[in-house]
Amino acid sequence: MEQLTADVTDSRDIIARIEQVKSDLDQARVDCDDTTDLEVELKALEAFAEEASEYAPDWHYGETIIHEDYFQTYAEELADDIGAINRNASWPLTHIDWEAAADDLKMDYSVVGFNGIVYYIR
């Protein structure tokens, strides 16, 4: 599933992919093609969407889904975006424990899984 290989994914991309897979599945059935891969993908996507939407009230309007390997970078970017840090300053940025900061931020996020990979959503 290409959408969930990105560092950050929008829930609307998952919703769109589900609809695309459903359409592809319908067409494959008409063409008498093998539908196994599409059925597996659809089942996995729908299960992920159901679980994630329980934690994300704006799922249908767009929620950010963050890959676990990217979460620390996401935390750094968020701190910059909200003005919590000055990216032009060398000190104290060179001494911030970003791993600890990201771990602290995770408390505001829920964990969801897809194909054995952890994602964070709020």
C-alpha atoms as a PDB file:
ATOM      1  CA  MET A   1       0.000   0.000   0.000  1.00  0.00           C
ATOM      2  CA  GLU A   2       1.841   2.991  -1.307  1.00  0.00           C
ATOM      3  CA  GLN A   3       0.060   5.627   0.789  1.00  0.00           C
ATOM      4  CA  LEU A   4       1.350   4.200   4.051  1.00  0.00           C
ATOM      5  CA  THR A   5       4.970   4.007   2.978  1.00  0.00           C
ATOM      6  CA  ALA A   6       5.253   7.779   3.300  1.00  0.00           C
ATOM      7  CA  ASP A   7       6.546   9.413   6.463  1.00  0.00           C
ATOM      8  CA  VAL A   8       3.275  11.297   6.841  1.00  0.00           C
ATOM      9  CA  THR A   9      -0.060  10.304   5.304  1.00  0.00           C
ATOM     10  CA  ASP A  10      -3.432  12.002   5.284  1.00  0.00           C
ATOM     11  CA  SER A  11      -6.488   9.946   6.221  1.00  0.00           C
ATOM     12  CA  ARG A  12      -8.244  11.182   3.086  1.00  0.00           C
ATOM     13  CA  ASP A  13      -5.605   9.355   1.036  1.00  0.00           C
ATOM     14  CA  ILE A  14      -6.539   6.131   2.816  1.00  0.00           C
ATOM     15  CA  ILE A  15     -10.223   6.756   2.166  1.00  0.00           C
ATOM     16  CA  ALA A  16      -9.496   7.410  -1.517  1.00  0.00           C
ATOM     17  CA  ARG A  17      -7.371   4.264  -1.783  1.00  0.00           C
ATOM     18  CA  ILE A  18     -10.171   2.160  -0.296  1.00  0.00           C
ATOM     19  CA  GLU A  19     -12.569   3.494  -2.920  1.00  0.00           C
ATOM     20  CA  GLN A  20     -10.012   2.865  -5.689  1.00  0.00           C
ATOM     21  CA  VAL A  21      -9.427  -0.717  -4.556  1.00  0.00           C
ATOM     22  CA  LYS A  22     -13.181  -1.332  -4.434  1.00  0.00           C
ATOM     23  CA  SER A  23     -13.477  -0.046  -7.994  1.00  0.00           C
ATOM     24  CA  ASP A  24     -10.501  -2.113  -9.158  1.00  0.00           C
ATOM     25  CA  LEU A  25     -11.989  -5.153  -7.450  1.00  0.00           C
ATOM     26  CA  ASP A  26     -15.320  -4.684  -9.215  1.00  0.00           C
ATOM     27  CA  GLN A  27     -13.539  -4.374 -12.553  1.00  0.00           C
ATOM     28  CA  ALA A  28     -11.373  -7.428 -11.888  1.00  0.00           C
ATOM     29  CA  ARG A  29     -14.495  -9.454 -11.162  1.00  0.00           C
ATOM     30  CA  VAL A  30     -16.081  -8.320 -14.439  1.00  0.00           C
ATOM     31  CA  ASP A  31     -12.886  -9.242 -16.304  1.00  0.00           C
ATOM     32  CA  CYS A  32     -12.684 -12.578 -14.441  1.00  0.00           C
ATOM     33  CA  ASP A  33      -9.204 -11.634 -13.160  1.00  0.00           C
ATOM     34  CA  ASP A  34      -7.654 -12.893  -9.940  1.00  0.00           C
ATOM     35  CA  THR A  35      -8.930 -10.672  -7.133  1.00  0.00           C
ATOM     36  CA  THR A  36      -6.943 -12.123  -4.239  1.00  0.00           C
ATOM     37  CA  ASP A  37      -4.396  -9.302  -3.878  1.00  0.00           C
ATOM     38  CA  LEU A  38      -7.095  -6.639  -4.093  1.00  0.00           C
ATOM     39  CA  GLU A  39      -9.266  -8.424  -1.544  1.00  0.00           C
ATOM     40  CA  VAL A  40      -6.351  -8.705   0.890  1.00  0.00           C
ATOM     41  CA  GLU A  41      -5.458  -5.032   0.445  1.00  0.00           C
ATOM     42  CA  LEU A  42      -9.064  -3.924   0.872  1.00  0.00           C
ATOM     43  CA  LYS A  43      -9.510  -5.954   4.037  1.00  0.00           C
ATOM     44  CA  ALA A  44      -6.291  -4.556   5.533  1.00  0.00           C
ATOM     45  CA  LEU A  45      -7.136  -0.966   4.585  1.00  0.00           C
ATOM     46  CA  GLU A  46     -10.663  -1.170   5.934  1.00  0.00           C
ATOM     47  CA  ALA A  47      -9.446  -2.643   9.221  1.00  0.00           C
ATOM     48  CA  PHE A  48      -6.825   0.099   9.517  1.00  0.00           C
ATOM     49  CA  ALA A  49      -9.364   2.826   8.699  1.00  0.00           C
ATOM     50  CA  GLU A  50     -11.835   1.455  11.233  1.00  0.00           C
ATOM     51  CA  GLU A  51      -9.224   1.336  14.003  1.00  0.00           C
ATOM     52  CA  ALA A  52      -7.637   4.703  13.195  1.00  0.00           C
ATOM     53  CA  SER A  53     -10.940   6.546  12.824  1.00  0.00           C
ATOM     54  CA  GLU A  54     -11.817   5.602  16.418  1.00  0.00           C
ATOM     55  CA  TYR A  55      -8.903   7.778  17.588  1.00  0.00           C
ATOM     56  CA  ALA A  56      -9.226  10.557  15.036  1.00  0.00           C
ATOM     57  CA  PRO A  57     -12.478  12.531  15.167  1.00  0.00           C
ATOM     58  CA  ASP A  58     -11.742  14.297  11.874  1.00  0.00           C
ATOM     59  CA  TRP A  59     -10.827  11.116   9.967  1.00  0.00           C
ATOM     60  CA  HIS A  60     -13.124  11.948   7.040  1.00  0.00           C
ATOM     61  CA  TYR A  61     -11.875  15.543   6.862  1.00  0.00           C
ATOM     62  CA  GLY A  62      -8.178  14.771   7.081  1.00  0.00           C
ATOM     63  CA  GLU A  63      -6.087  13.462   9.954  1.00  0.00           C
ATOM     64  CA  THR A  64      -2.316  13.157   9.915  1.00  0.00           C
ATOM     65  CA  ILE A  65      -0.882   9.652  10.196  1.00  0.00           C
ATOM     66  CA  ILE A  66       2.821   9.593  11.163  1.00  0.00           C
ATOM     67  CA  HIS A  67       5.138   6.630  10.573  1.00  0.00           C
ATOM     68  CA  GLU A  68       6.925   5.616  13.781  1.00  0.00           C
ATOM     69  CA  ASP A  69      10.366   6.029  12.174  1.00  0.00           C
ATOM     70  CA  TYR A  70       9.556   9.632  11.295  1.00  0.00           C
ATOM     71  CA  PHE A  71       7.984  10.712  14.574  1.00  0.00           C
ATOM     72  CA  GLN A  72      11.082  12.408  16.005  1.00  0.00           C
ATOM     73  CA  THR A  73      11.527  14.479  12.841  1.00  0.00           C
ATOM     74  CA  TYR A  74       7.802  15.252  12.945  1.00  0.00           C
ATOM     75  CA  ALA A  75       8.201  16.497  16.543  1.00  0.00           C
ATOM     76  CA  GLU A  76      11.106  18.749  15.530  1.00  0.00           C
ATOM     77  CA  GLU A  77       9.133  20.168  12.602  1.00  0.00           C
ATOM     78  CA  LEU A  78       6.072  20.709  14.783  1.00  0.00           C
ATOM     79  CA  ALA A  79       8.148  22.582  17.378  1.00  0.00           C
ATOM     80  CA  ASP A  80       9.463  24.816  14.603  1.00  0.00           C
ATOM     81  CA  ASP A  81       6.007  25.315  13.036  1.00  0.00           C
ATOM     82  CA  ILE A  82       4.383  26.423  16.289  1.00  0.00           C
ATOM     83  CA  GLY A  83       7.264  28.769  17.138  1.00  0.00           C
ATOM     84  CA  ALA A  84       8.490  26.774  20.124  1.00  0.00           C
ATOM     85  CA  ILE A  85      12.062  26.976  18.839  1.00  0.00           C
ATOM     86  CA  ASN A  86      14.137  29.323  16.730  1.00  0.00           C
ATOM     87  CA  ARG A  87      15.729  27.279  13.933  1.00  0.00           C
ATOM     88  CA  ASN A  88      18.283  30.052  13.351  1.00  0.00           C
ATOM     89  CA  ALA A  89      19.710  29.733  16.859  1.00  0.00           C
ATOM     90  CA  SER A  90      22.467  27.200  17.386  1.00  0.00           C
ATOM     91  CA  TRP A  91      22.046  27.195  21.163  1.00  0.00           C
ATOM     92  CA  PRO A  92      20.104  25.615  22.823  1.00  0.00           C
ATOM     93  CA  LEU A  93      18.973  23.619  19.787  1.00  0.00           C
ATOM     94  CA  THR A  94      22.223  21.678  19.702  1.00  0.00           C
ATOM     95  CA  HIS A  95      21.461  20.446  23.219  1.00  0.00           C
ATOM     96  CA  ILE A  96      17.806  19.509  22.931  1.00  0.00           C
ATOM     97  CA  ASP A  97      17.124  15.820  23.416  1.00  0.00           C
ATOM     98  CA  TRP A  98      14.751  15.445  20.484  1.00  0.00           C
ATOM     99  CA  GLU A  99      14.217  11.756  21.160  1.00  0.00           C
ATOM    100  CA  ALA A 100      12.920  12.560  24.649  1.00  0.00           C
ATOM    101  CA  ALA A 101      10.856  15.460  23.307  1.00  0.00           C
ATOM    102  CA  ALA A 102       9.273  13.183  20.696  1.00  0.00           C
ATOM    103  CA  ASP A 103       8.576  10.511  23.311  1.00  0.00           C
ATOM    104  CA  ASP A 104       6.836  13.128  25.452  1.00  0.00           C
ATOM    105  CA  LEU A 105       4.759  14.284  22.463  1.00  0.00           C
ATOM    106  CA  LYS A 106       3.645  10.703  21.783  1.00  0.00           C
ATOM    107  CA  MET A 107       1.446  10.918  24.882  1.00  0.00           C
ATOM    108  CA  ASP A 108      -0.932  13.096  22.837  1.00  0.00           C
ATOM    109  CA  TYR A 109      -1.177  10.505  20.027  1.00  0.00           C
ATOM    110  CA  SER A 110      -2.738   7.093  19.627  1.00  0.00           C
ATOM    111  CA  VAL A 111      -0.919   4.121  18.183  1.00  0.00           C
ATOM    112  CA  VAL A 112      -2.390   2.245  15.222  1.00  0.00           C
ATOM    113  CA  GLY A 113      -0.835  -0.547  13.218  1.00  0.00           C
ATOM    114  CA  PHE A 114      -0.795  -1.463   9.569  1.00  0.00           C
ATOM    115  CA  ASN A 115       1.084  -4.453   8.170  1.00  0.00           C
ATOM    116  CA  GLY A 116       3.197  -4.695  11.290  1.00  0.00           C
ATOM    117  CA  ILE A 117       4.228  -1.035  11.269  1.00  0.00           C
ATOM    118  CA  VAL A 118       3.328   1.426  14.019  1.00  0.00           C
ATOM    119  CA  TYR A 119       1.761   4.759  13.135  1.00  0.00           C
ATOM    120  CA  TYR A 120       0.719   7.665  15.331  1.00  0.00           C
ATOM    121  CA  ILE A 121      -2.524   9.560  14.922  1.00  0.00           C
ATOM    122  CA  ARG A 122      -4.257  12.218  16.940  1.00  0.00           C
END
